[in-house]
PDB file of all heavy atoms in Angstrom:
ATOM      1  N   LEU A   1       0.858  -1.189   0.000  1.00  0.00           N
ATOM      2  CA  LEU A   1       0.000   0.000   0.000  1.00  0.00           C
ATOM      3  C   LEU A   1       0.892   1.235   0.000  1.00  0.00           C
ATOM      4  O   LEU A   1       1.840   1.331   0.786  1.00  0.00           O
ATOM      5  CB  LEU A   1      -0.900   0.025   1.236  1.00  0.00           C
ATOM      6  CG  LEU A   1      -1.957  -1.077   1.342  1.00  0.00           C
ATOM      7  CD1 LEU A   1      -2.673  -0.987   2.684  1.00  0.00           C
ATOM      8  CD2 LEU A   1      -2.951  -0.982   0.197  1.00  0.00           C
ATOM      9  N   THR A   2       0.579   2.183  -0.881  1.00  0.00           N
ATOM     10  CA  THR A   2       1.375   3.405  -0.996  1.00  0.00           C
ATOM     11  C   THR A   2       0.493   4.615  -0.765  1.00  0.00           C
ATOM     12  O   THR A   2      -0.512   4.814  -1.460  1.00  0.00           O
ATOM     13  CB  THR A   2       2.033   3.502  -2.379  1.00  0.00           C
ATOM     14  OG1 THR A   2       2.771   2.301  -2.633  1.00  0.00           O
ATOM     15  CG2 THR A   2       2.969   4.691  -2.439  1.00  0.00           C
ATOM     16  N   GLY A   3       0.857   5.389   0.261  1.00  0.00           N
ATOM     17  CA  GLY A   3       0.147   6.626   0.565  1.00  0.00           C
ATOM     18  C   GLY A   3       1.109   7.799   0.537  1.00  0.00           C
ATOM     19  O   GLY A   3       1.879   7.957  -0.417  1.00  0.00           O
ATOM     20  N   LYS A   4       1.105   8.579   1.611  1.00  0.00           N
ATOM     21  CA  LYS A   4       2.004   9.730   1.686  1.00  0.00           C
ATOM     22  C   LYS A   4       2.420   9.907   3.137  1.00  0.00           C
ATOM     23  O   LYS A   4       1.574  10.140   4.006  1.00  0.00           O
ATOM     24  CB  LYS A   4       1.311  10.984   1.170  1.00  0.00           C
ATOM     25  CG  LYS A   4       2.222  12.188   1.017  1.00  0.00           C
ATOM     26  CD  LYS A   4       1.481  13.326   0.343  1.00  0.00           C
ATOM     27  CE  LYS A   4       2.416  14.494   0.074  1.00  0.00           C
ATOM     28  NZ  LYS A   4       1.712  15.604  -0.626  1.00  0.00           N
ATOM     29  N   ASP A   5       3.720   9.735   3.416  1.00  0.00           N
ATOM     30  CA  ASP A   5       4.165   9.943   4.789  1.00  0.00           C
ATOM     31  C   ASP A   5       4.161  11.436   5.091  1.00  0.00           C
ATOM     32  O   ASP A   5       4.672  12.246   4.313  1.00  0.00           O
ATOM     33  CB  ASP A   5       5.545   9.323   5.044  1.00  0.00           C
ATOM     34  CG  ASP A   5       6.521   9.448   3.897  1.00  0.00           C
ATOM     35  OD1 ASP A   5       6.135   9.121   2.766  1.00  0.00           O
ATOM     36  OD2 ASP A   5       7.663   9.883   4.134  1.00  0.00           O
ATOM     37  N   SER A   6       3.565  11.756   6.233  1.00  0.00           N
ATOM     38  CA  SER A   6       3.418  13.164   6.623  1.00  0.00           C
ATOM     39  C   SER A   6       3.313  13.254   8.141  1.00  0.00           C
ATOM     40  O   SER A   6       3.183  12.245   8.837  1.00  0.00           O
ATOM     41  CB  SER A   6       2.190  13.791   5.951  1.00  0.00           C
ATOM     42  OG  SER A   6       1.031  13.006   6.181  1.00  0.00           O
ATOM     43  N   HIS A   7       3.349  14.474   8.660  1.00  0.00           N
ATOM     44  CA  HIS A   7       3.418  14.709  10.094  1.00  0.00           C
ATOM     45  C   HIS A   7       2.123  14.283  10.776  1.00  0.00           C
ATOM     46  O   HIS A   7       1.021  14.653  10.347  1.00  0.00           O
ATOM     47  CB  HIS A   7       3.682  16.202  10.348  1.00  0.00           C
ATOM     48  CG  HIS A   7       4.215  16.497  11.704  1.00  0.00           C
ATOM     49  ND1 HIS A   7       3.481  16.336  12.853  1.00  0.00           N
ATOM     50  CD2 HIS A   7       5.436  16.975  12.094  1.00  0.00           C
ATOM     51  CE1 HIS A   7       4.213  16.687  13.897  1.00  0.00           C
ATOM     52  NE2 HIS A   7       5.410  17.088  13.460  1.00  0.00           N
ATOM     53  N   THR A   8       2.261  13.499  11.855  1.00  0.00           N
ATOM     54  CA  THR A   8       1.055  13.012  12.548  1.00  0.00           C
ATOM     55  C   THR A   8       0.321  14.129  13.279  1.00  0.00           C
ATOM     56  O   THR A   8      -0.887  14.029  13.515  1.00  0.00           O
ATOM     57  CB  THR A   8       1.427  11.932  13.588  1.00  0.00           C
ATOM     58  OG1 THR A   8       2.400  12.464  14.492  1.00  0.00           O
ATOM     59  CG2 THR A   8       1.968  10.675  12.933  1.00  0.00           C
ATOM     60  N   GLY A   9       1.040  15.196  13.627  1.00  0.00           N
ATOM     61  CA  GLY A   9       0.398  16.251  14.405  1.00  0.00           C
ATOM     62  C   GLY A   9      -0.221  17.340  13.575  1.00  0.00           C
ATOM     63  O   GLY A   9      -1.232  17.941  13.986  1.00  0.00           O
ATOM     64  N   SER A  10       0.337  17.628  12.413  1.00  0.00           N
ATOM     65  CA  SER A  10      -0.092  18.822  11.678  1.00  0.00           C
ATOM     66  C   SER A  10      -0.846  18.512  10.390  1.00  0.00           C
ATOM     67  O   SER A  10      -1.232  19.436   9.666  1.00  0.00           O
ATOM     68  CB  SER A  10       1.132  19.689  11.351  1.00  0.00           C
ATOM     69  OG  SER A  10       2.095  18.939  10.647  1.00  0.00           O
ATOM     70  N   THR A  11      -1.062  17.232  10.088  1.00  0.00           N
ATOM     71  CA  THR A  11      -1.810  16.866   8.885  1.00  0.00           C
ATOM     72  C   THR A  11      -3.270  16.602   9.263  1.00  0.00           C
ATOM     73  O   THR A  11      -3.539  15.700  10.061  1.00  0.00           O
ATOM     74  CB  THR A  11      -1.223  15.610   8.222  1.00  0.00           C
ATOM     75  OG1 THR A  11       0.173  15.798   7.991  1.00  0.00           O
ATOM     76  CG2 THR A  11      -1.934  15.321   6.901  1.00  0.00           C
ATOM     77  N   PRO A  12      -4.210  17.377   8.735  1.00  0.00           N
ATOM     78  CA  PRO A  12      -5.622  17.168   9.075  1.00  0.00           C
ATOM     79  C   PRO A  12      -6.069  15.745   8.720  1.00  0.00           C
ATOM     80  O   PRO A  12      -5.601  15.153   7.741  1.00  0.00           O
ATOM     81  CB  PRO A  12      -6.351  18.204   8.219  1.00  0.00           C
ATOM     82  CG  PRO A  12      -5.333  19.253   7.942  1.00  0.00           C
ATOM     83  CD  PRO A  12      -4.025  18.532   7.831  1.00  0.00           C
ATOM     84  N   MET A  13      -6.978  15.189   9.511  1.00  0.00           N
ATOM     85  CA  MET A  13      -7.440  13.824   9.300  1.00  0.00           C
ATOM     86  C   MET A  13      -8.015  13.637   7.898  1.00  0.00           C
ATOM     87  O   MET A  13      -7.827  12.589   7.270  1.00  0.00           O
ATOM     88  CB  MET A  13      -8.482  13.449  10.351  1.00  0.00           C
ATOM     89  CG  MET A  13      -7.960  13.449  11.782  1.00  0.00           C
ATOM     90  SD  MET A  13      -6.644  12.237  12.077  1.00  0.00           S
ATOM     91  CE  MET A  13      -7.580  10.709  12.033  1.00  0.00           C
ATOM     92  N   SER A  14      -8.697  14.652   7.399  1.00  0.00           N
ATOM     93  CA  SER A  14      -9.353  14.526   6.100  1.00  0.00           C
ATOM     94  C   SER A  14      -8.377  14.594   4.935  1.00  0.00           C
ATOM     95  O   SER A  14      -8.743  14.294   3.789  1.00  0.00           O
ATOM     96  CB  SER A  14     -10.411  15.630   5.931  1.00  0.00           C
ATOM     97  OG  SER A  14      -9.798  16.913   5.987  1.00  0.00           O
ATOM     98  N   MET A  15      -7.127  14.968   5.204  1.00  0.00           N
ATOM     99  CA  MET A  15      -6.149  15.143   4.137  1.00  0.00           C
ATOM    100  C   MET A  15      -5.033  14.090   4.167  1.00  0.00           C
ATOM    101  O   MET A  15      -4.051  14.208   3.457  1.00  0.00           O
ATOM    102  CB  MET A  15      -5.545  16.549   4.219  1.00  0.00           C
ATOM    103  CG  MET A  15      -6.580  17.669   4.059  1.00  0.00           C
ATOM    104  SD  MET A  15      -5.900  19.332   4.269  1.00  0.00           S
ATOM    105  CE  MET A  15      -4.860  19.447   2.814  1.00  0.00           C
ATOM    106  N   ARG A  16      -5.235  13.071   4.969  1.00  0.00           N
ATOM    107  CA  ARG A  16      -4.193  12.043   5.111  1.00  0.00           C
ATOM    108  C   ARG A  16      -4.335  10.937   4.060  1.00  0.00           C
ATOM    109  O   ARG A  16      -5.442  10.596   3.648  1.00  0.00           O
ATOM    110  CB  ARG A  16      -4.252  11.424   6.509  1.00  0.00           C
ATOM    111  CG  ARG A  16      -4.019  12.430   7.607  1.00  0.00           C
ATOM    112  CD  ARG A  16      -4.117  11.817   8.992  1.00  0.00           C
ATOM    113  NE  ARG A  16      -3.854  12.850   9.995  1.00  0.00           N
ATOM    114  CZ  ARG A  16      -3.255  12.630  11.164  1.00  0.00           C
ATOM    115  NH1 ARG A  16      -2.882  11.392  11.494  1.00  0.00           N
ATOM    116  NH2 ARG A  16      -3.042  13.622  12.000  1.00  0.00           N
ATOM    117  N   LYS A  17      -3.193  10.370   3.683  1.00  0.00           N
ATOM    118  CA  LYS A  17      -3.142   9.147   2.872  1.00  0.00           C
ATOM    119  C   LYS A  17      -2.356   8.110   3.680  1.00  0.00           C
ATOM    120  O   LYS A  17      -1.158   7.915   3.481  1.00  0.00           O
ATOM    121  CB  LYS A  17      -2.491   9.418   1.515  1.00  0.00           C
ATOM    122  CG  LYS A  17      -3.313  10.376   0.644  1.00  0.00           C
ATOM    123  CD  LYS A  17      -2.687  10.580  -0.720  1.00  0.00           C
ATOM    124  CE  LYS A  17      -3.564  11.502  -1.570  1.00  0.00           C
ATOM    125  NZ  LYS A  17      -2.980  11.731  -2.915  1.00  0.00           N
ATOM    126  N   ASN A  18      -3.083   7.480   4.610  1.00  0.00           N
ATOM    127  CA  ASN A  18      -2.502   6.680   5.673  1.00  0.00           C
ATOM    128  C   ASN A  18      -2.434   5.205   5.272  1.00  0.00           C
ATOM    129  O   ASN A  18      -3.437   4.483   5.335  1.00  0.00           O
ATOM    130  CB  ASN A  18      -3.325   6.865   6.952  1.00  0.00           C
ATOM    131  CG  ASN A  18      -2.706   6.181   8.149  1.00  0.00           C
ATOM    132  OD1 ASN A  18      -1.811   5.340   8.030  1.00  0.00           O
ATOM    133  ND2 ASN A  18      -3.178   6.560   9.337  1.00  0.00           N
ATOM    134  N   ALA A  19      -1.245   4.764   4.867  1.00  0.00           N
ATOM    135  CA  ALA A  19      -1.085   3.372   4.451  1.00  0.00           C
ATOM    136  C   ALA A  19      -1.306   2.419   5.633  1.00  0.00           C
ATOM    137  O   ALA A  19      -1.773   1.283   5.453  1.00  0.00           O
ATOM    138  CB  ALA A  19       0.303   3.163   3.856  1.00  0.00           C
ATOM    139  N   GLY A  20      -0.994   2.862   6.844  1.00  0.00           N
ATOM    140  CA  GLY A  20      -1.221   2.022   8.022  1.00  0.00           C
ATOM    141  C   GLY A  20      -2.692   1.751   8.256  1.00  0.00           C
ATOM    142  O   GLY A  20      -3.082   0.632   8.630  1.00  0.00           O
ATOM    143  N   LEU A  21      -3.530   2.759   8.023  1.00  0.00           N
ATOM    144  CA  LEU A  21      -4.973   2.569   8.160  1.00  0.00           C
ATOM    145  C   LEU A  21      -5.482   1.585   7.113  1.00  0.00           C
ATOM    146  O   LEU A  21      -6.337   0.737   7.393  1.00  0.00           O
ATOM    147  CB  LEU A  21      -5.693   3.916   8.006  1.00  0.00           C
ATOM    148  CG  LEU A  21      -7.219   3.881   8.068  1.00  0.00           C
ATOM    149  CD1 LEU A  21      -7.701   3.300   9.393  1.00  0.00           C
ATOM    150  CD2 LEU A  21      -7.782   5.298   7.846  1.00  0.00           C
ATOM    151  N   GLY A  22      -4.920   1.659   5.912  1.00  0.00           N
ATOM    152  CA  GLY A  22      -5.305   0.701   4.876  1.00  0.00           C
ATOM    153  C   GLY A  22      -4.973  -0.728   5.285  1.00  0.00           C
ATOM    154  O   GLY A  22      -5.775  -1.649   5.087  1.00  0.00           O
ATOM    155  N   MET A  23      -3.782  -0.934   5.881  1.00  0.00           N
ATOM    156  CA  MET A  23      -3.428  -2.269   6.338  1.00  0.00           C
ATOM    157  C   MET A  23      -4.384  -2.739   7.430  1.00  0.00           C
ATOM    158  O   MET A  23      -4.790  -3.914   7.452  1.00  0.00           O
ATOM    159  CB  MET A  23      -1.991  -2.301   6.868  1.00  0.00           C
ATOM    160  CG  MET A  23      -1.559  -3.688   7.315  1.00  0.00           C
ATOM    161  SD  MET A  23       0.148  -3.801   7.892  1.00  0.00           S
ATOM    162  CE  MET A  23       0.021  -2.911   9.452  1.00  0.00           C
ATOM    163  N   ALA A  24      -4.772  -1.851   8.325  1.00  0.00           N
ATOM    164  CA  ALA A  24      -5.690  -2.223   9.396  1.00  0.00           C
ATOM    165  C   ALA A  24      -7.032  -2.693   8.831  1.00  0.00           C
ATOM    166  O   ALA A  24      -7.593  -3.698   9.286  1.00  0.00           O
ATOM    167  CB  ALA A  24      -5.892  -1.041  10.340  1.00  0.00           C
ATOM    168  N   ARG A  25      -7.536  -1.981   7.848  1.00  0.00           N
ATOM    169  CA  ARG A  25      -8.833  -2.357   7.275  1.00  0.00           C
ATOM    170  C   ARG A  25      -8.733  -3.643   6.453  1.00  0.00           C
ATOM    171  O   ARG A  25      -9.669  -4.452   6.444  1.00  0.00           O
ATOM    172  CB  ARG A  25      -9.381  -1.201   6.431  1.00  0.00           C
ATOM    173  CG  ARG A  25      -9.766  -0.011   7.304  1.00  0.00           C
ATOM    174  CD  ARG A  25     -10.493   1.070   6.552  1.00  0.00           C
ATOM    175  NE  ARG A  25     -10.869   2.151   7.459  1.00  0.00           N
ATOM    176  CZ  ARG A  25     -11.374   3.326   7.070  1.00  0.00           C
ATOM    177  NH1 ARG A  25     -11.567   3.551   5.757  1.00  0.00           N
ATOM    178  NH2 ARG A  25     -11.694   4.253   7.954  1.00  0.00           N
ATOM    179  N   ILE A  26      -7.607  -3.854   5.788  1.00  0.00           N
ATOM    180  CA  ILE A  26      -7.427  -5.114   5.049  1.00  0.00           C
ATOM    181  C   ILE A  26      -7.224  -6.268   6.029  1.00  0.00           C
ATOM    182  O   ILE A  26      -7.648  -7.397   5.747  1.00  0.00           O
ATOM    183  CB  ILE A  26      -6.280  -4.985   4.036  1.00  0.00           C
ATOM    184  CG1 ILE A  26      -6.683  -3.990   2.932  1.00  0.00           C
ATOM    185  CG2 ILE A  26      -5.928  -6.344   3.429  1.00  0.00           C
ATOM    186  CD1 ILE A  26      -5.583  -3.676   1.935  1.00  0.00           C
ATOM    187  N   THR A  27      -6.625  -5.992   7.175  1.00  0.00           N
ATOM    188  CA  THR A  27      -6.520  -7.022   8.219  1.00  0.00           C
ATOM    189  C   THR A  27      -7.911  -7.491   8.636  1.00  0.00           C
ATOM    190  O   THR A  27      -8.162  -8.698   8.792  1.00  0.00           O
ATOM    191  CB  THR A  27      -5.758  -6.486   9.444  1.00  0.00           C
ATOM    192  OG1 THR A  27      -4.444  -6.078   9.058  1.00  0.00           O
ATOM    193  CG2 THR A  27      -5.659  -7.548  10.542  1.00  0.00           C
ATOM    194  N   GLU A  28      -8.808  -6.559   8.823  1.00  0.00           N
ATOM    195  CA  GLU A  28     -10.200  -6.911   9.140  1.00  0.00           C
ATOM    196  C   GLU A  28     -10.829  -7.712   8.002  1.00  0.00           C
ATOM    197  O   GLU A  28     -11.552  -8.687   8.238  1.00  0.00           O
ATOM    198  CB  GLU A  28     -11.018  -5.641   9.384  1.00  0.00           C
ATOM    199  CG  GLU A  28     -10.754  -4.962  10.705  1.00  0.00           C
ATOM    200  CD  GLU A  28     -11.457  -5.662  11.866  1.00  0.00           C
ATOM    201  OE1 GLU A  28     -12.149  -6.679  11.639  1.00  0.00           O
ATOM    202  OE2 GLU A  28     -11.309  -5.192  13.009  1.00  0.00           O
ATOM    203  N   LEU A  29     -10.546  -7.323   6.767  1.00  0.00           N
ATOM    204  CA  LEU A  29     -11.089  -8.035   5.614  1.00  0.00           C
ATOM    205  C   LEU A  29     -10.596  -9.472   5.581  1.00  0.00           C
ATOM    206  O   LEU A  29     -11.376 -10.405   5.331  1.00  0.00           O
ATOM    207  CB  LEU A  29     -10.695  -7.306   4.323  1.00  0.00           C
ATOM    208  CG  LEU A  29     -11.063  -8.016   3.006  1.00  0.00           C
ATOM    209  CD1 LEU A  29     -12.572  -8.186   2.875  1.00  0.00           C
ATOM    210  CD2 LEU A  29     -10.489  -7.241   1.815  1.00  0.00           C
ATOM    211  N   VAL A  30      -9.308  -9.675   5.832  1.00  0.00           N
ATOM    212  CA  VAL A  30      -8.748 -11.035   5.850  1.00  0.00           C
ATOM    213  C   VAL A  30      -9.475 -11.886   6.877  1.00  0.00           C
ATOM    214  O   VAL A  30      -9.839 -13.043   6.622  1.00  0.00           O
ATOM    215  CB  VAL A  30      -7.232 -10.988   6.136  1.00  0.00           C
ATOM    216  CG1 VAL A  30      -6.683 -12.381   6.454  1.00  0.00           C
ATOM    217  CG2 VAL A  30      -6.483 -10.376   4.954  1.00  0.00           C
ATOM    218  N   HIS A  31      -9.701 -11.321   8.050  1.00  0.00           N
ATOM    219  CA  HIS A  31     -10.417 -12.047   9.106  1.00  0.00           C
ATOM    220  C   HIS A  31     -11.848 -12.368   8.678  1.00  0.00           C
ATOM    221  O   HIS A  31     -12.335 -13.491   8.879  1.00  0.00           O
ATOM    222  CB  HIS A  31     -10.420 -11.225  10.391  1.00  0.00           C
ATOM    223  CG  HIS A  31     -11.007 -11.935  11.567  1.00  0.00           C
ATOM    224  ND1 HIS A  31     -10.341 -12.915  12.256  1.00  0.00           N
ATOM    225  CD2 HIS A  31     -12.226 -11.809  12.170  1.00  0.00           C
ATOM    226  CE1 HIS A  31     -11.107 -13.364  13.236  1.00  0.00           C
ATOM    227  NE2 HIS A  31     -12.257 -12.714  13.206  1.00  0.00           N
ATOM    228  N   GLU A  32     -12.513 -11.400   8.071  1.00  0.00           N
ATOM    229  CA  GLU A  32     -13.893 -11.616   7.609  1.00  0.00           C
ATOM    230  C   GLU A  32     -13.957 -12.734   6.568  1.00  0.00           C
ATOM    231  O   GLU A  32     -14.858 -13.581   6.593  1.00  0.00           O
ATOM    232  CB  GLU A  32     -14.461 -10.323   7.006  1.00  0.00           C
ATOM    233  CG  GLU A  32     -14.756  -9.236   8.016  1.00  0.00           C
ATOM    234  CD  GLU A  32     -15.149  -7.931   7.339  1.00  0.00           C
ATOM    235  OE1 GLU A  32     -15.411  -7.976   6.100  1.00  0.00           O
ATOM    236  OE2 GLU A  32     -15.168  -6.893   8.009  1.00  0.00           O
ATOM    237  N   ILE A  33     -13.007 -12.743   5.645  1.00  0.00           N
ATOM    238  CA  ILE A  33     -12.986 -13.765   4.596  1.00  0.00           C
ATOM    239  C   ILE A  33     -12.802 -15.152   5.211  1.00  0.00           C
ATOM    240  O   ILE A  33     -13.481 -16.112   4.843  1.00  0.00           O
ATOM    241  CB  ILE A  33     -11.873 -13.464   3.571  1.00  0.00           C
ATOM    242  CG1 ILE A  33     -12.219 -12.202   2.766  1.00  0.00           C
ATOM    243  CG2 ILE A  33     -11.661 -14.648   2.634  1.00  0.00           C
ATOM    244  CD1 ILE A  33     -11.086 -11.706   1.883  1.00  0.00           C
ATOM    245  N   ALA A  34     -11.871 -15.268   6.159  1.00  0.00           N
ATOM    246  CA  ALA A  34     -11.651 -16.569   6.809  1.00  0.00           C
ATOM    247  C   ALA A  34     -12.886 -17.010   7.585  1.00  0.00           C
ATOM    248  O   ALA A  34     -13.303 -18.173   7.511  1.00  0.00           O
ATOM    249  CB  ALA A  34     -10.435 -16.491   7.730  1.00  0.00           C
TER     250      ALA A  34
END
């Protein structure tokens, strides 16, 4: 997953491209599929 690394404190939530959040949601998907 490729997003954009940026400052955790000064980047608004609505403007983030958070690859870690994508992994978290795909982790849930993997569990759901199993």
